Protein backbone atom coordinates (compact mmCIF):
# COMPACT_ATOMS: atom_id res chain seq x y z
CA MET A 1 -31.52 2.44 -20.41
CA VAL A 2 -28.42 -0.01 -21.13
CA LYS A 3 -26.76 3.19 -22.17
CA ASP A 4 -27.01 4.33 -18.63
CA ILE A 5 -26.35 1.04 -17.13
CA LEU A 6 -22.85 0.55 -18.86
CA LEU A 7 -22.01 4.16 -18.15
CA VAL A 8 -23.18 4.32 -14.82
CA LEU A 9 -20.69 1.22 -13.99
CA LEU A 10 -18.06 2.20 -16.56
CA LEU A 11 -18.21 5.44 -14.60
CA GLN A 12 -18.12 3.72 -10.66
CA LEU A 13 -15.50 1.58 -11.93
CA ILE A 14 -13.57 5.25 -12.41
CA TYR A 15 -14.51 6.95 -9.42
CA VAL A 16 -13.90 4.67 -6.82
CA PRO A 17 -10.12 3.65 -7.60
CA ILE A 18 -10.07 7.53 -7.93
CA LEU A 19 -11.44 7.98 -4.76
CA THR A 20 -9.19 4.86 -2.82
CA LEU A 21 -5.93 6.35 -4.78
CA ARG A 22 -7.03 10.31 -2.94
CA THR A 23 -7.40 8.69 0.50
CA ILE A 24 -4.01 7.23 -0.05
CA PHE A 25 -2.59 10.08 -0.86
CA MET A 26 -4.27 12.45 1.98
CA VAL A 27 -2.92 9.06 4.46
CA LYS A 28 0.87 9.60 3.18
CA ASN A 29 0.32 13.44 2.77
CA ILE A 30 0.90 13.96 -1.00
CA SER A 31 -1.48 16.86 -0.65
CA ALA A 32 -1.41 17.78 -4.15
CA LEU A 33 -2.23 14.11 -5.43
CA ALA A 34 -4.74 14.53 -2.76
CA ALA A 35 -6.75 17.50 -4.03
CA PHE A 36 -6.56 17.27 -7.97
CA MET A 37 -7.83 13.53 -7.45
CA GLY A 38 -10.16 15.16 -5.14
CA PHE A 39 -11.67 17.02 -7.80
CA LEU A 40 -11.82 14.65 -10.14
CA GLU A 41 -13.32 12.34 -7.84
CA ALA A 42 -16.60 14.82 -7.04
CA LEU A 43 -16.77 15.58 -11.00
CA ILE A 44 -17.34 11.67 -11.73
CA TYR A 45 -19.95 11.61 -8.41
CA VAL A 46 -22.03 14.58 -9.72
CA PHE A 47 -22.12 13.31 -12.74
CA GLY A 48 -22.95 9.70 -11.96
CA LEU A 49 -25.55 10.26 -9.87
CA SER A 50 -26.67 12.68 -12.06
CA ILE A 51 -27.44 9.36 -14.35
CA VAL A 52 -29.43 7.55 -11.36
CA PHE A 53 -31.59 10.09 -10.18
CA SER A 54 -32.68 11.03 -13.56
CA GLY A 55 -35.52 9.84 -15.50
CA GLU A 56 -37.40 7.04 -14.06
CA GLN A 57 -34.98 5.85 -11.63
CA SER A 58 -34.22 2.75 -12.30
CA TYR A 59 -33.98 -0.11 -9.81
CA ILE A 60 -31.43 -1.87 -11.79
CA VAL A 61 -29.54 1.41 -12.22
CA MET A 62 -29.42 2.00 -8.74
CA ILE A 63 -28.32 -1.94 -8.58
CA VAL A 64 -25.66 -1.54 -10.64
CA TYR A 65 -24.70 1.98 -9.32
CA ALA A 66 -23.63 -0.24 -6.11
CA ALA A 67 -21.95 -2.65 -8.10
CA GLY A 68 -19.53 -0.80 -9.55
CA PHE A 69 -18.77 0.73 -6.18
CA GLY A 70 -17.92 -2.56 -5.55
CA ALA A 71 -16.37 -3.35 -8.04
CA GLY A 72 -14.19 -0.48 -7.98
CA LEU A 73 -13.09 -1.00 -4.33
CA PHE A 74 -11.62 -3.98 -5.45
CA ILE A 75 -10.17 -2.25 -8.86
CA GLY A 76 -8.68 0.15 -6.33
CA ASN A 77 -7.10 -1.67 -4.05
CA TYR A 78 -5.54 -3.94 -6.59
CA ILE A 79 -3.96 -0.55 -8.13
CA GLU A 80 -3.00 1.11 -4.66
CA GLN A 81 -0.81 -2.71 -4.03
CA LYS A 82 0.96 -2.51 -6.87
CA LEU A 83 1.80 0.98 -6.81
CA ALA A 84 2.96 0.25 -2.85
CA ILE A 85 3.67 4.12 -1.79
CA GLY A 86 5.90 4.84 0.96
CA TYR A 87 7.67 2.70 3.34
CA THR A 88 7.60 -1.01 5.02
CA SER A 89 9.14 -1.23 8.11
CA LEU A 90 10.12 -4.60 9.75
CA ILE A 91 10.83 -6.41 12.26
CA VAL A 92 12.96 -10.15 12.26
CA ASN A 93 13.19 -11.73 15.09
CA LEU A 94 16.51 -14.70 15.12
CA ARG A 95 17.32 -17.38 17.40
CA ASP A 96 20.92 -17.38 16.33
CA LYS A 97 22.70 -13.77 14.72
CA ASN A 98 23.03 -15.11 11.40
CA GLU A 99 26.07 -12.99 9.60
CA GLU A 100 25.23 -14.35 6.44
CA LEU A 101 21.81 -12.62 5.99
CA ILE A 102 22.58 -9.56 7.54
CA ARG A 103 25.37 -9.35 5.20
CA VAL A 104 23.58 -10.39 2.30
CA LEU A 105 20.86 -7.89 3.13
CA ARG A 106 22.88 -4.57 3.16
CA GLU A 107 24.83 -6.40 -0.23
CA ASN A 108 21.36 -5.89 -1.55
CA GLY A 109 21.10 -1.98 -0.32
CA TYR A 110 18.97 -2.93 2.76
CA GLY A 111 20.28 -0.53 6.36
CA VAL A 112 19.90 -3.55 9.31
CA THR A 113 20.47 -2.87 12.27
CA VAL A 114 21.14 -5.29 14.47
CA PHE A 115 20.00 -5.43 18.80
CA VAL A 116 20.31 -8.76 20.69
CA GLY A 117 17.61 -9.24 23.10
CA GLU A 118 16.90 -11.67 26.00
CA GLY A 119 13.76 -14.14 24.90
CA ARG A 120 12.08 -16.07 27.49
CA ASP A 121 14.61 -19.44 26.79
CA SER A 122 17.62 -17.72 25.04
CA ARG A 123 19.11 -14.67 23.72
CA ARG A 124 17.77 -13.30 20.51
CA TYR A 125 18.83 -11.23 17.50
CA ARG A 126 16.61 -8.68 16.19
CA LEU A 127 17.02 -6.50 13.45
CA ASP A 128 14.98 -3.83 11.62
CA ILE A 129 14.57 -2.92 8.30
CA LEU A 130 13.36 0.25 6.18
CA THR A 131 12.62 -0.25 2.39
CA LYS A 132 10.47 1.11 0.27
CA ARG A 133 6.70 -0.94 0.40
CA ASN A 134 7.22 -1.79 -3.54
CA LYS A 135 10.47 -3.47 -2.36
CA GLU A 136 8.69 -6.13 1.22
CA LYS A 137 7.86 -8.84 -0.94
CA GLU A 138 11.72 -8.89 -2.47
CA LEU A 139 13.00 -8.87 0.94
CA LEU A 140 10.57 -10.93 2.68
CA LYS A 141 11.40 -13.86 -0.03
CA LEU A 142 15.18 -12.66 0.81
CA ILE A 143 15.02 -13.36 4.54
CA GLU A 144 13.34 -16.25 3.44
CA ALA A 145 15.83 -18.48 1.74
CA TYR A 146 18.28 -17.58 4.82
CA GLU A 147 15.96 -17.93 8.01
CA PRO A 148 12.77 -19.61 7.11
CA LYS A 149 11.43 -19.78 10.80
CA ALA A 150 12.07 -15.73 11.48
CA PHE A 151 9.45 -14.02 13.25
CA ILE A 152 8.62 -11.18 10.76
CA ILE A 153 6.53 -8.22 12.32
CA SER A 154 5.82 -5.71 9.11
CA TYR A 155 4.55 -2.19 9.72
CA GLU A 156 4.18 1.16 7.95
CA PRO A 157 5.83 3.94 9.84
CA ARG A 158 4.19 7.20 9.16
CA ARG A 159 7.01 9.28 8.84
CA PHE A 160 10.84 8.90 9.86
CA LYS A 161 13.57 11.06 9.72
CA GLY A 162 17.83 10.75 8.63
CA GLY A 163 19.33 7.21 8.78
CA PHE A 164 20.42 5.04 5.79
CA ILE A 165 17.06 4.76 3.50
CA VAL A 166 17.60 8.76 3.67
CA SER A 167 20.57 8.99 2.81
CA ALA A 168 20.76 6.58 0.54
CA MET A 169 17.76 8.43 -1.35
CA LYS A 170 19.87 11.70 -1.53
CA LYS A 171 22.25 10.00 -3.38
CA ARG A 172 20.70 8.93 -6.00
């Protein structure tokens, strides 16, 4: 029974991160990897459930199965954060046009589009920046260093075409 408990826990710690990655690959339209992860996920799922429901169907094994699922979610989320697949778009609102920040961002390889807008009390400047998700923290630190009071919105675009980032990727 101890062997079954450890095996079920191990399977869940493998199964759930694979499930998490499969879901992310599907959302990001990476079909081949999503299909492969789905195959692995189904194989592990059936094997794990066969252990849980075989023999005496111990409540302990079932609880370990559920606990392993929860722990697997943490692991899957951690892996996804480290992989940081995809892109992020930042909208940076500034009170004043910070030419130095714009220059530094462009020198560091970020495409920056600057817009002028009307705020409630004054003119505002908006920077639109698209970058890979794995560079988002670095970009936020850079903005914070030059504009600590900037208002920043970050989101993940589903699709984009053309622009600086696409042409920069083609050069590599």
